[in-house]
Amino acid sequence: MALRMVCSKTLSLNRIISLHSINHHLPKPVQNVTAASVRWSSFRSSEPVGDLAQYPEVEVVRNPPEWKYVERLLAPRTVPKPTAKDAYPSGWKPANPQPGLKYVVQRTKNHMLPVYLRRSFRGQRRITAVRHVEGDIWLLEAELRYHIERQLNRPIITRVNEMSGQIELKGDHVAFVEKFLLEKGM
């Protein structure tokens, strides 16, 4: 039926083409076809390896001199220590803590400050988290709270977790905290 409508509209035919006249132009369906699906998905179902002479000879060398070029392409197992420079293009500063501090904030394995912004409730709740705090965590929390309250001219809410070495500050204060920690040399 659809074929009749398409033909009559596109070719502006006044008469309807019979389906019998179209059917003899279509290919005949293929009969007696059996699909043999073979899946080589495991060791047991795969076919055995044939004669090894058909494969090229391979020499196994444990320490070839060319391996140094491959090692340059592989990712290192650990993050390398950054090279010492006066200034870095990204603005990153290495850790150089002031002597005599009763607390220290350890850098992450990528040598970054562990200051994070956690957003929840569709972005309505923002909590700044400082992790990897060692030493007098209460002194760091008091200094951070004093520094941020002086900047904002309003009180903020904080939470300290001594067991995990984390301080949480209500609000988005990541820039203030990072600036404060960099001034302390952490």
N, C-alpha and C. Protein backbone atom coordinates (compact mmCIF):
# COMPACT_ATOMS: atom_id res chain seq x y z
N MET A 1 0.82 -1.19 0.00
CA MET A 1 0.00 0.00 0.00
C MET A 1 0.87 1.25 0.00
N ALA A 2 1.92 1.23 0.85
CA ALA A 2 2.81 2.38 0.91
C ALA A 2 3.54 2.55 -0.41
N LEU A 3 3.88 1.44 -1.04
CA LEU A 3 4.56 1.50 -2.32
C LEU A 3 3.66 2.12 -3.37
N ARG A 4 2.40 1.81 -3.31
CA ARG A 4 1.45 2.39 -4.27
C ARG A 4 1.35 3.89 -4.08
N MET A 5 1.34 4.35 -2.79
CA MET A 5 1.21 5.78 -2.53
C MET A 5 2.46 6.53 -2.98
N VAL A 6 3.63 5.95 -2.70
CA VAL A 6 4.87 6.61 -3.09
C VAL A 6 4.98 6.71 -4.60
N CYS A 7 4.67 5.62 -5.27
CA CYS A 7 4.77 5.63 -6.73
C CYS A 7 3.80 6.61 -7.35
N SER A 8 2.61 6.68 -6.83
CA SER A 8 1.63 7.56 -7.45
C SER A 8 1.95 9.02 -7.17
N LYS A 9 2.53 9.32 -6.01
CA LYS A 9 2.82 10.71 -5.70
C LYS A 9 4.09 11.18 -6.39
N THR A 10 5.12 10.35 -6.38
CA THR A 10 6.39 10.80 -6.94
C THR A 10 6.39 10.80 -8.46
N LEU A 11 5.75 9.85 -9.06
CA LEU A 11 5.75 9.76 -10.51
C LEU A 11 4.52 10.38 -11.14
N SER A 12 3.63 10.90 -10.34
CA SER A 12 2.37 11.49 -10.78
C SER A 12 1.61 10.53 -11.67
N LEU A 13 1.55 9.32 -11.26
CA LEU A 13 0.82 8.33 -12.04
C LEU A 13 -0.66 8.41 -11.71
N ASN A 14 -1.46 8.29 -12.72
CA ASN A 14 -2.90 8.29 -12.51
C ASN A 14 -3.42 6.90 -12.23
N ARG A 15 -2.67 5.93 -12.62
CA ARG A 15 -3.14 4.57 -12.38
C ARG A 15 -2.29 3.94 -11.29
N ILE A 16 -2.80 2.99 -10.62
CA ILE A 16 -2.11 2.32 -9.53
C ILE A 16 -1.36 1.13 -10.09
N ILE A 17 -0.10 1.02 -9.71
CA ILE A 17 0.72 -0.09 -10.17
C ILE A 17 0.36 -1.31 -9.34
N SER A 18 0.15 -2.40 -9.98
CA SER A 18 -0.20 -3.61 -9.24
C SER A 18 1.06 -4.20 -8.61
N LEU A 19 0.89 -4.76 -7.44
CA LEU A 19 2.01 -5.36 -6.74
C LEU A 19 2.54 -6.57 -7.48
N HIS A 20 1.69 -7.24 -8.25
CA HIS A 20 2.12 -8.42 -8.99
C HIS A 20 3.16 -8.05 -10.05
N SER A 21 3.04 -6.88 -10.64
CA SER A 21 4.01 -6.48 -11.66
C SER A 21 5.35 -6.08 -11.04
N ILE A 22 5.36 -5.70 -9.77
CA ILE A 22 6.60 -5.31 -9.10
C ILE A 22 7.32 -6.53 -8.55
N ASN A 23 6.57 -7.52 -8.10
CA ASN A 23 7.16 -8.67 -7.42
C ASN A 23 8.13 -9.45 -8.30
N HIS A 24 7.92 -9.52 -9.58
CA HIS A 24 8.82 -10.33 -10.41
C HIS A 24 10.17 -9.65 -10.63
N HIS A 25 10.32 -8.35 -10.28
CA HIS A 25 11.60 -7.65 -10.40
C HIS A 25 12.46 -7.81 -9.14
N LEU A 26 11.86 -8.18 -8.03
CA LEU A 26 12.60 -8.32 -6.78
C LEU A 26 13.35 -9.64 -6.76
N PRO A 27 14.52 -9.73 -6.09
CA PRO A 27 15.26 -10.99 -6.04
C PRO A 27 14.52 -12.02 -5.21
N LYS A 28 14.72 -13.28 -5.56
CA LYS A 28 14.07 -14.36 -4.85
C LYS A 28 14.79 -14.58 -3.53
N PRO A 29 14.06 -14.93 -2.49
CA PRO A 29 14.71 -15.15 -1.20
C PRO A 29 15.64 -16.35 -1.26
N VAL A 30 16.75 -16.25 -0.56
CA VAL A 30 17.73 -17.32 -0.53
C VAL A 30 17.19 -18.43 0.37
N GLN A 31 17.21 -19.64 -0.15
CA GLN A 31 16.67 -20.76 0.61
C GLN A 31 17.80 -21.70 1.02
N ASN A 32 17.51 -22.49 2.04
CA ASN A 32 18.43 -23.50 2.57
C ASN A 32 19.76 -22.88 3.03
N VAL A 33 19.67 -21.76 3.75
CA VAL A 33 20.86 -21.12 4.29
C VAL A 33 20.94 -21.46 5.77
N THR A 34 22.07 -21.98 6.18
CA THR A 34 22.28 -22.26 7.60
C THR A 34 23.44 -21.40 8.07
N ALA A 35 23.22 -20.67 9.14
CA ALA A 35 24.26 -19.80 9.69
C ALA A 35 25.05 -20.58 10.72
N ALA A 36 26.32 -20.71 10.50
CA ALA A 36 27.20 -21.41 11.44
C ALA A 36 27.93 -20.35 12.26
N SER A 37 27.40 -20.06 13.43
CA SER A 37 28.05 -19.05 14.27
C SER A 37 29.15 -19.71 15.09
N VAL A 38 30.33 -19.19 14.95
CA VAL A 38 31.49 -19.71 15.66
C VAL A 38 32.04 -18.58 16.51
N ARG A 39 32.17 -18.84 17.80
CA ARG A 39 32.69 -17.83 18.71
C ARG A 39 33.99 -18.35 19.31
N TRP A 40 35.05 -17.59 19.12
CA TRP A 40 36.34 -17.95 19.72
C TRP A 40 36.51 -17.11 20.99
N SER A 41 35.64 -17.33 21.95
CA SER A 41 35.65 -16.48 23.13
C SER A 41 36.45 -17.04 24.29
N SER A 42 36.90 -18.27 24.20
CA SER A 42 37.69 -18.81 25.29
C SER A 42 38.77 -19.74 24.74
N PHE A 43 39.65 -20.15 25.61
CA PHE A 43 40.75 -21.02 25.21
C PHE A 43 40.22 -22.38 24.76
N ARG A 44 39.20 -22.88 25.45
CA ARG A 44 38.68 -24.22 25.12
C ARG A 44 37.94 -24.24 23.79
N SER A 45 37.24 -23.16 23.45
CA SER A 45 36.45 -23.18 22.22
C SER A 45 37.25 -22.74 20.99
N SER A 46 38.44 -22.17 21.18
CA SER A 46 39.22 -21.73 20.03
C SER A 46 39.92 -22.91 19.38
N GLU A 47 40.18 -22.77 18.11
CA GLU A 47 40.81 -23.87 17.39
C GLU A 47 42.30 -23.92 17.75
N PRO A 48 42.89 -25.10 17.72
CA PRO A 48 44.30 -25.23 18.12
C PRO A 48 45.23 -24.56 17.11
N VAL A 49 46.37 -24.15 17.61
CA VAL A 49 47.37 -23.51 16.77
C VAL A 49 47.95 -24.55 15.83
N GLY A 50 48.13 -24.17 14.60
CA GLY A 50 48.66 -25.09 13.60
C GLY A 50 50.17 -25.23 13.70
N ASP A 51 50.78 -25.51 12.60
CA ASP A 51 52.22 -25.70 12.52
C ASP A 51 52.93 -24.38 12.83
N LEU A 52 53.91 -24.41 13.73
CA LEU A 52 54.62 -23.20 14.11
C LEU A 52 55.57 -22.71 13.03
N ALA A 53 55.83 -23.53 12.04
CA ALA A 53 56.74 -23.13 10.96
C ALA A 53 56.12 -22.03 10.08
N GLN A 54 54.80 -21.89 10.12
CA GLN A 54 54.16 -20.87 9.29
C GLN A 54 54.32 -19.47 9.89
N TYR A 55 54.73 -19.37 11.17
CA TYR A 55 54.90 -18.08 11.82
C TYR A 55 56.36 -17.66 11.73
N PRO A 56 56.64 -16.36 11.72
CA PRO A 56 58.03 -15.91 11.62
C PRO A 56 58.81 -16.21 12.90
N GLU A 57 60.11 -16.34 12.76
CA GLU A 57 60.97 -16.61 13.90
C GLU A 57 61.07 -15.35 14.77
N VAL A 58 60.99 -15.53 16.07
CA VAL A 58 61.08 -14.42 17.01
C VAL A 58 62.17 -14.74 18.01
N GLU A 59 63.07 -13.80 18.19
CA GLU A 59 64.14 -13.98 19.16
C GLU A 59 63.75 -13.24 20.43
N VAL A 60 63.71 -13.94 21.55
CA VAL A 60 63.34 -13.34 22.83
C VAL A 60 64.62 -12.85 23.49
N VAL A 61 64.68 -11.53 23.71
CA VAL A 61 65.85 -10.92 24.33
C VAL A 61 65.38 -10.21 25.59
N ARG A 62 66.04 -10.48 26.70
CA ARG A 62 65.60 -9.92 27.98
C ARG A 62 66.00 -8.46 28.15
N ASN A 63 67.14 -8.05 27.68
CA ASN A 63 67.60 -6.68 27.88
C ASN A 63 68.17 -6.12 26.57
N PRO A 64 67.34 -5.86 25.60
CA PRO A 64 67.86 -5.34 24.34
C PRO A 64 68.24 -3.86 24.48
N PRO A 65 69.19 -3.41 23.70
CA PRO A 65 69.56 -1.99 23.77
C PRO A 65 68.46 -1.07 23.25
N GLU A 66 67.54 -1.59 22.44
CA GLU A 66 66.46 -0.75 21.92
C GLU A 66 65.37 -0.51 22.96
N TRP A 67 65.41 -1.21 24.08
CA TRP A 67 64.34 -1.10 25.08
C TRP A 67 64.28 0.30 25.68
N LYS A 68 65.38 1.04 25.66
CA LYS A 68 65.38 2.38 26.24
C LYS A 68 64.41 3.31 25.50
N TYR A 69 64.19 3.06 24.22
CA TYR A 69 63.24 3.89 23.47
C TYR A 69 61.81 3.57 23.86
N VAL A 70 61.55 2.32 24.19
CA VAL A 70 60.21 1.93 24.63
C VAL A 70 59.94 2.47 26.03
N GLU A 71 60.95 2.45 26.89
CA GLU A 71 60.78 2.93 28.26
C GLU A 71 60.42 4.41 28.29
N ARG A 72 60.89 5.17 27.32
CA ARG A 72 60.54 6.58 27.29
C ARG A 72 59.06 6.79 27.01
N LEU A 73 58.43 5.85 26.30
CA LEU A 73 57.01 5.97 25.97
C LEU A 73 56.11 5.55 27.12
N LEU A 74 56.59 4.65 27.99
CA LEU A 74 55.78 4.15 29.09
C LEU A 74 55.62 5.22 30.16
N ALA A 75 54.47 5.23 30.80
CA ALA A 75 54.23 6.17 31.89
C ALA A 75 55.04 5.75 33.11
N PRO A 76 55.57 6.70 33.87
CA PRO A 76 56.33 6.32 35.06
C PRO A 76 55.40 5.74 36.13
N ARG A 77 55.97 4.87 36.97
CA ARG A 77 55.16 4.23 38.01
C ARG A 77 54.77 5.22 39.11
N THR A 78 55.62 6.17 39.40
CA THR A 78 55.32 7.20 40.41
C THR A 78 55.48 8.57 39.76
N VAL A 79 54.87 9.56 40.39
CA VAL A 79 54.98 10.92 39.89
C VAL A 79 56.39 11.42 40.22
N PRO A 80 57.14 11.86 39.23
CA PRO A 80 58.51 12.30 39.52
C PRO A 80 58.53 13.59 40.33
N LYS A 81 59.61 13.78 41.07
CA LYS A 81 59.76 15.02 41.83
C LYS A 81 59.98 16.16 40.86
N PRO A 82 59.34 17.31 41.11
CA PRO A 82 59.51 18.43 40.18
C PRO A 82 60.92 19.00 40.25
N THR A 83 61.37 19.50 39.12
CA THR A 83 62.69 20.12 39.09
C THR A 83 62.62 21.49 39.74
N ALA A 84 63.68 21.86 40.43
CA ALA A 84 63.70 23.14 41.15
C ALA A 84 63.90 24.29 40.17
N LYS A 85 63.00 25.26 40.22
CA LYS A 85 63.08 26.45 39.38
C LYS A 85 62.71 27.66 40.23
N ASP A 86 63.03 28.85 39.72
CA ASP A 86 62.66 30.07 40.43
C ASP A 86 61.16 30.30 40.35
N ALA A 87 60.59 30.13 39.17
CA ALA A 87 59.15 30.31 38.97
C ALA A 87 58.68 29.29 37.94
N TYR A 88 57.45 28.84 38.12
CA TYR A 88 56.86 27.86 37.21
C TYR A 88 55.80 28.55 36.36
N PRO A 89 55.61 28.16 35.10
CA PRO A 89 54.63 28.83 34.23
C PRO A 89 53.20 28.75 34.76
N SER A 90 52.87 27.67 35.47
CA SER A 90 51.50 27.51 35.96
C SER A 90 51.24 28.26 37.25
N GLY A 91 52.28 28.80 37.88
CA GLY A 91 52.11 29.47 39.16
C GLY A 91 52.24 28.54 40.35
N TRP A 92 52.55 27.28 40.10
CA TRP A 92 52.70 26.30 41.17
C TRP A 92 53.94 26.62 41.99
N LYS A 93 53.85 26.39 43.30
CA LYS A 93 54.99 26.62 44.19
C LYS A 93 55.27 25.34 44.96
N PRO A 94 56.53 24.94 45.08
CA PRO A 94 56.84 23.73 45.86
C PRO A 94 56.66 23.98 47.35
N ALA A 95 56.50 22.90 48.09
CA ALA A 95 56.32 23.01 49.54
C ALA A 95 57.63 23.41 50.19
N ASN A 96 57.55 24.42 51.05
CA ASN A 96 58.70 24.88 51.82
C ASN A 96 58.17 25.40 53.15
N PRO A 97 57.78 24.49 54.08
CA PRO A 97 57.12 24.95 55.31
C PRO A 97 58.04 25.78 56.20
N GLN A 98 57.42 26.75 56.87
CA GLN A 98 58.16 27.60 57.80
C GLN A 98 58.59 26.77 59.01
N PRO A 99 59.77 27.00 59.52
CA PRO A 99 60.18 26.26 60.72
C PRO A 99 59.41 26.75 61.95
N GLY A 100 59.14 25.84 62.86
CA GLY A 100 58.47 26.19 64.10
C GLY A 100 56.96 26.08 64.06
N LEU A 101 56.36 25.65 62.95
CA LEU A 101 54.91 25.48 62.90
C LEU A 101 54.52 24.21 63.63
N LYS A 102 53.38 24.24 64.31
CA LYS A 102 52.91 23.07 65.06
C LYS A 102 52.05 22.15 64.20
N TYR A 103 51.83 22.52 62.96
CA TYR A 103 51.02 21.70 62.06
C TYR A 103 51.64 21.76 60.67
N VAL A 104 51.26 20.79 59.85
CA VAL A 104 51.71 20.75 58.46
C VAL A 104 50.61 20.11 57.62
N VAL A 105 50.44 20.61 56.41
CA VAL A 105 49.49 20.03 55.46
C VAL A 105 50.32 19.37 54.37
N GLN A 106 50.27 18.03 54.33
CA GLN A 106 51.06 17.28 53.36
C GLN A 106 50.47 17.45 51.97
N ARG A 107 51.32 17.52 50.96
CA ARG A 107 50.86 17.60 49.58
C ARG A 107 50.35 16.24 49.12
N THR A 108 49.57 16.24 48.04
CA THR A 108 49.09 14.99 47.46
C THR A 108 50.22 14.32 46.68
N LYS A 109 49.95 13.14 46.15
CA LYS A 109 50.99 12.43 45.40
C LYS A 109 51.37 13.16 44.12
N ASN A 110 50.52 14.08 43.66
CA ASN A 110 50.83 14.89 42.48
C ASN A 110 51.41 16.25 42.86
N HIS A 111 51.84 16.39 44.12
CA HIS A 111 52.49 17.60 44.63
C HIS A 111 51.55 18.81 44.62
N MET A 112 50.26 18.58 44.83
CA MET A 112 49.29 19.66 44.86
C MET A 112 48.76 19.83 46.28
N LEU A 113 48.19 21.02 46.58
CA LEU A 113 47.59 21.25 47.89
C LEU A 113 46.29 20.46 48.00
N PRO A 114 46.06 19.79 49.12
CA PRO A 114 44.84 18.99 49.27
C PRO A 114 43.66 19.84 49.75
N VAL A 115 43.27 20.82 48.97
CA VAL A 115 42.13 21.69 49.29
C VAL A 115 41.09 21.46 48.21
N TYR A 116 39.89 21.05 48.63
CA TYR A 116 38.85 20.65 47.69
C TYR A 116 37.54 21.36 47.98
N LEU A 117 36.73 21.55 46.95
CA LEU A 117 35.39 22.10 47.09
C LEU A 117 34.40 20.98 46.83
N ARG A 118 33.58 20.70 47.83
CA ARG A 118 32.54 19.67 47.69
C ARG A 118 31.20 20.38 47.50
N ARG A 119 30.51 20.02 46.44
CA ARG A 119 29.20 20.61 46.16
C ARG A 119 28.15 19.53 46.26
N SER A 120 27.05 19.84 46.93
CA SER A 120 25.95 18.89 47.07
C SER A 120 24.63 19.65 47.05
N PHE A 121 23.55 18.91 47.04
CA PHE A 121 22.20 19.48 46.95
C PHE A 121 22.09 20.42 45.76
N ARG A 122 22.44 19.87 44.58
CA ARG A 122 22.36 20.59 43.31
C ARG A 122 23.17 21.88 43.32
N GLY A 123 24.29 21.86 43.99
CA GLY A 123 25.19 23.00 44.03
C GLY A 123 24.85 24.04 45.07
N GLN A 124 23.82 23.81 45.88
CA GLN A 124 23.44 24.80 46.88
C GLN A 124 24.34 24.76 48.11
N ARG A 125 24.84 23.57 48.46
CA ARG A 125 25.73 23.45 49.61
C ARG A 125 27.16 23.34 49.11
N ARG A 126 27.99 24.27 49.55
CA ARG A 126 29.41 24.25 49.19
C ARG A 126 30.23 24.13 50.46
N ILE A 127 31.10 23.13 50.48
CA ILE A 127 31.94 22.90 51.65
C ILE A 127 33.38 22.80 51.16
N THR A 128 34.26 23.60 51.76
CA THR A 128 35.68 23.55 51.45
C THR A 128 36.33 22.57 52.39
N ALA A 129 37.07 21.61 51.85
CA ALA A 129 37.71 20.58 52.66
C ALA A 129 39.23 20.69 52.53
N VAL A 130 39.91 20.62 53.68
CA VAL A 130 41.37 20.58 53.73
C VAL A 130 41.74 19.22 54.28
N ARG A 131 42.53 18.46 53.54
CA ARG A 131 42.89 17.11 53.95
C ARG A 131 44.38 17.02 54.24
N HIS A 132 44.79 15.86 54.76
CA HIS A 132 46.20 15.55 55.05
C HIS A 132 46.81 16.52 56.06
N VAL A 133 46.04 16.90 57.08
CA VAL A 133 46.56 17.79 58.12
C VAL A 133 47.22 16.94 59.19
N GLU A 134 48.45 17.27 59.53
CA GLU A 134 49.18 16.57 60.58
C GLU A 134 49.64 17.58 61.61
N GLY A 135 49.65 17.17 62.86
CA GLY A 135 50.07 18.06 63.94
C GLY A 135 48.86 18.63 64.66
N ASP A 136 48.97 19.88 65.10
CA ASP A 136 47.89 20.54 65.86
C ASP A 136 46.82 21.03 64.89
N ILE A 137 45.84 20.18 64.65
CA ILE A 137 44.78 20.49 63.68
C ILE A 137 43.87 21.61 64.19
N TRP A 138 43.72 21.71 65.52
CA TRP A 138 42.85 22.74 66.10
C TRP A 138 43.46 24.13 65.92
N LEU A 139 44.78 24.24 66.00
CA LEU A 139 45.44 25.52 65.79
C LEU A 139 45.28 25.97 64.33
N LEU A 140 45.44 25.04 63.39
CA LEU A 140 45.24 25.38 61.98
C LEU A 140 43.80 25.80 61.72
N GLU A 141 42.85 25.11 62.32
CA GLU A 141 41.43 25.47 62.13
C GLU A 141 41.15 26.87 62.68
N ALA A 142 41.71 27.19 63.85
CA ALA A 142 41.49 28.51 64.44
C ALA A 142 42.11 29.61 63.57
N GLU A 143 43.33 29.37 63.07
CA GLU A 143 43.97 30.37 62.21
C GLU A 143 43.23 30.53 60.89
N LEU A 144 42.78 29.43 60.30
CA LEU A 144 42.01 29.52 59.05
C LEU A 144 40.70 30.27 59.26
N ARG A 145 40.00 29.93 60.34
CA ARG A 145 38.71 30.59 60.60
C ARG A 145 38.92 32.08 60.83
N TYR A 146 39.95 32.45 61.60
CA TYR A 146 40.22 33.87 61.86
C TYR A 146 40.56 34.59 60.55
N HIS A 147 41.39 33.99 59.71
CA HIS A 147 41.81 34.59 58.45
C HIS A 147 40.61 34.79 57.51
N ILE A 148 39.74 33.80 57.41
CA ILE A 148 38.60 33.90 56.48
C ILE A 148 37.54 34.84 57.03
N GLU A 149 37.28 34.80 58.34
CA GLU A 149 36.29 35.71 58.92
C GLU A 149 36.74 37.16 58.78
N ARG A 150 38.03 37.42 58.89
CA ARG A 150 38.54 38.77 58.71
C ARG A 150 38.36 39.22 57.26
N GLN A 151 38.52 38.31 56.30
CA GLN A 151 38.34 38.65 54.88
C GLN A 151 36.87 38.90 54.54
N LEU A 152 35.96 38.09 55.12
CA LEU A 152 34.54 38.16 54.76
C LEU A 152 33.72 39.07 55.66
N ASN A 153 34.25 39.44 56.82
CA ASN A 153 33.54 40.25 57.82
C ASN A 153 32.26 39.57 58.30
N ARG A 154 32.29 38.26 58.43
CA ARG A 154 31.16 37.49 58.97
C ARG A 154 31.69 36.16 59.49
N PRO A 155 30.99 35.56 60.44
CA PRO A 155 31.46 34.27 60.97
C PRO A 155 31.20 33.12 59.99
N ILE A 156 32.02 32.09 60.07
CA ILE A 156 31.82 30.90 59.25
C ILE A 156 31.76 29.68 60.16
N ILE A 157 31.21 28.60 59.64
CA ILE A 157 31.07 27.35 60.40
C ILE A 157 32.16 26.40 59.94
N THR A 158 32.82 25.75 60.91
CA THR A 158 33.88 24.80 60.59
C THR A 158 33.60 23.48 61.27
N ARG A 159 34.24 22.43 60.76
CA ARG A 159 34.16 21.10 61.37
C ARG A 159 35.54 20.47 61.27
N VAL A 160 35.99 19.87 62.36
CA VAL A 160 37.31 19.26 62.42
C VAL A 160 37.15 17.78 62.67
N ASN A 161 37.86 16.97 61.89
CA ASN A 161 37.90 15.53 62.09
C ASN A 161 39.35 15.15 62.39
N GLU A 162 39.63 14.97 63.68
CA GLU A 162 41.01 14.67 64.07
C GLU A 162 41.48 13.32 63.57
N MET A 163 40.58 12.34 63.53
CA MET A 163 40.97 10.99 63.15
C MET A 163 41.46 10.92 61.70
N SER A 164 40.78 11.62 60.80
CA SER A 164 41.18 11.57 59.39
C SER A 164 42.04 12.76 58.99
N GLY A 165 42.25 13.72 59.90
CA GLY A 165 43.08 14.88 59.59
C GLY A 165 42.46 15.81 58.57
N GLN A 166 41.14 16.08 58.74
CA GLN A 166 40.43 16.92 57.79
C GLN A 166 39.77 18.09 58.50
N ILE A 167 39.72 19.21 57.80
CA ILE A 167 38.99 20.39 58.26
C ILE A 167 38.01 20.76 57.16
N GLU A 168 36.76 21.01 57.55
CA GLU A 168 35.73 21.41 56.59
C GLU A 168 35.23 22.79 56.97
N LEU A 169 35.11 23.66 55.98
CA LEU A 169 34.63 25.02 56.17
C LEU A 169 33.39 25.21 55.32
N LYS A 170 32.34 25.75 55.91
CA LYS A 170 31.11 25.94 55.15
C LYS A 170 31.27 27.14 54.22
N GLY A 171 31.07 26.89 52.93
CA GLY A 171 31.20 27.92 51.92
C GLY A 171 32.34 27.61 50.96
N ASP A 172 32.43 28.41 49.93
CA ASP A 172 33.49 28.26 48.93
C ASP A 172 34.65 29.17 49.30
N HIS A 173 35.61 28.61 50.03
CA HIS A 173 36.77 29.38 50.50
C HIS A 173 38.08 28.77 49.99
N VAL A 174 38.04 28.10 48.86
CA VAL A 174 39.22 27.40 48.35
C VAL A 174 40.35 28.39 48.07
N ALA A 175 40.05 29.51 47.46
CA ALA A 175 41.09 30.49 47.13
C ALA A 175 41.73 31.06 48.39
N PHE A 176 40.91 31.37 49.42
CA PHE A 176 41.44 31.90 50.68
C PHE A 176 42.35 30.88 51.35
N VAL A 177 41.91 29.62 51.40
CA VAL A 177 42.67 28.58 52.09
C VAL A 177 43.98 28.30 51.35
N GLU A 178 43.93 28.21 50.03
CA GLU A 178 45.16 27.97 49.27
C GLU A 178 46.15 29.11 49.44
N LYS A 179 45.67 30.34 49.42
CA LYS A 179 46.55 31.49 49.61
C LYS A 179 47.17 31.46 51.00
N PHE A 180 46.37 31.13 52.01
CA PHE A 180 46.86 31.06 53.39
C PHE A 180 47.93 29.98 53.53
N LEU A 181 47.68 28.80 52.96
CA LEU A 181 48.65 27.71 53.07
C LEU A 181 49.93 28.01 52.30
N LEU A 182 49.83 28.67 51.16
CA LEU A 182 51.03 29.03 50.41
C LEU A 182 51.85 30.08 51.14
N GLU A 183 51.18 30.99 51.86
CA GLU A 183 51.91 31.96 52.67
C GLU A 183 52.67 31.29 53.80
N LYS A 184 52.11 30.21 54.32
CA LYS A 184 52.79 29.45 55.38
C LYS A 184 53.87 28.53 54.80
N GLY A 185 53.96 28.42 53.50
CA GLY A 185 54.99 27.62 52.86
C GLY A 185 54.63 26.16 52.68
N MET A 186 53.37 25.84 52.76
CA MET A 186 52.96 24.43 52.61
C MET A 186 52.61 24.10 51.19
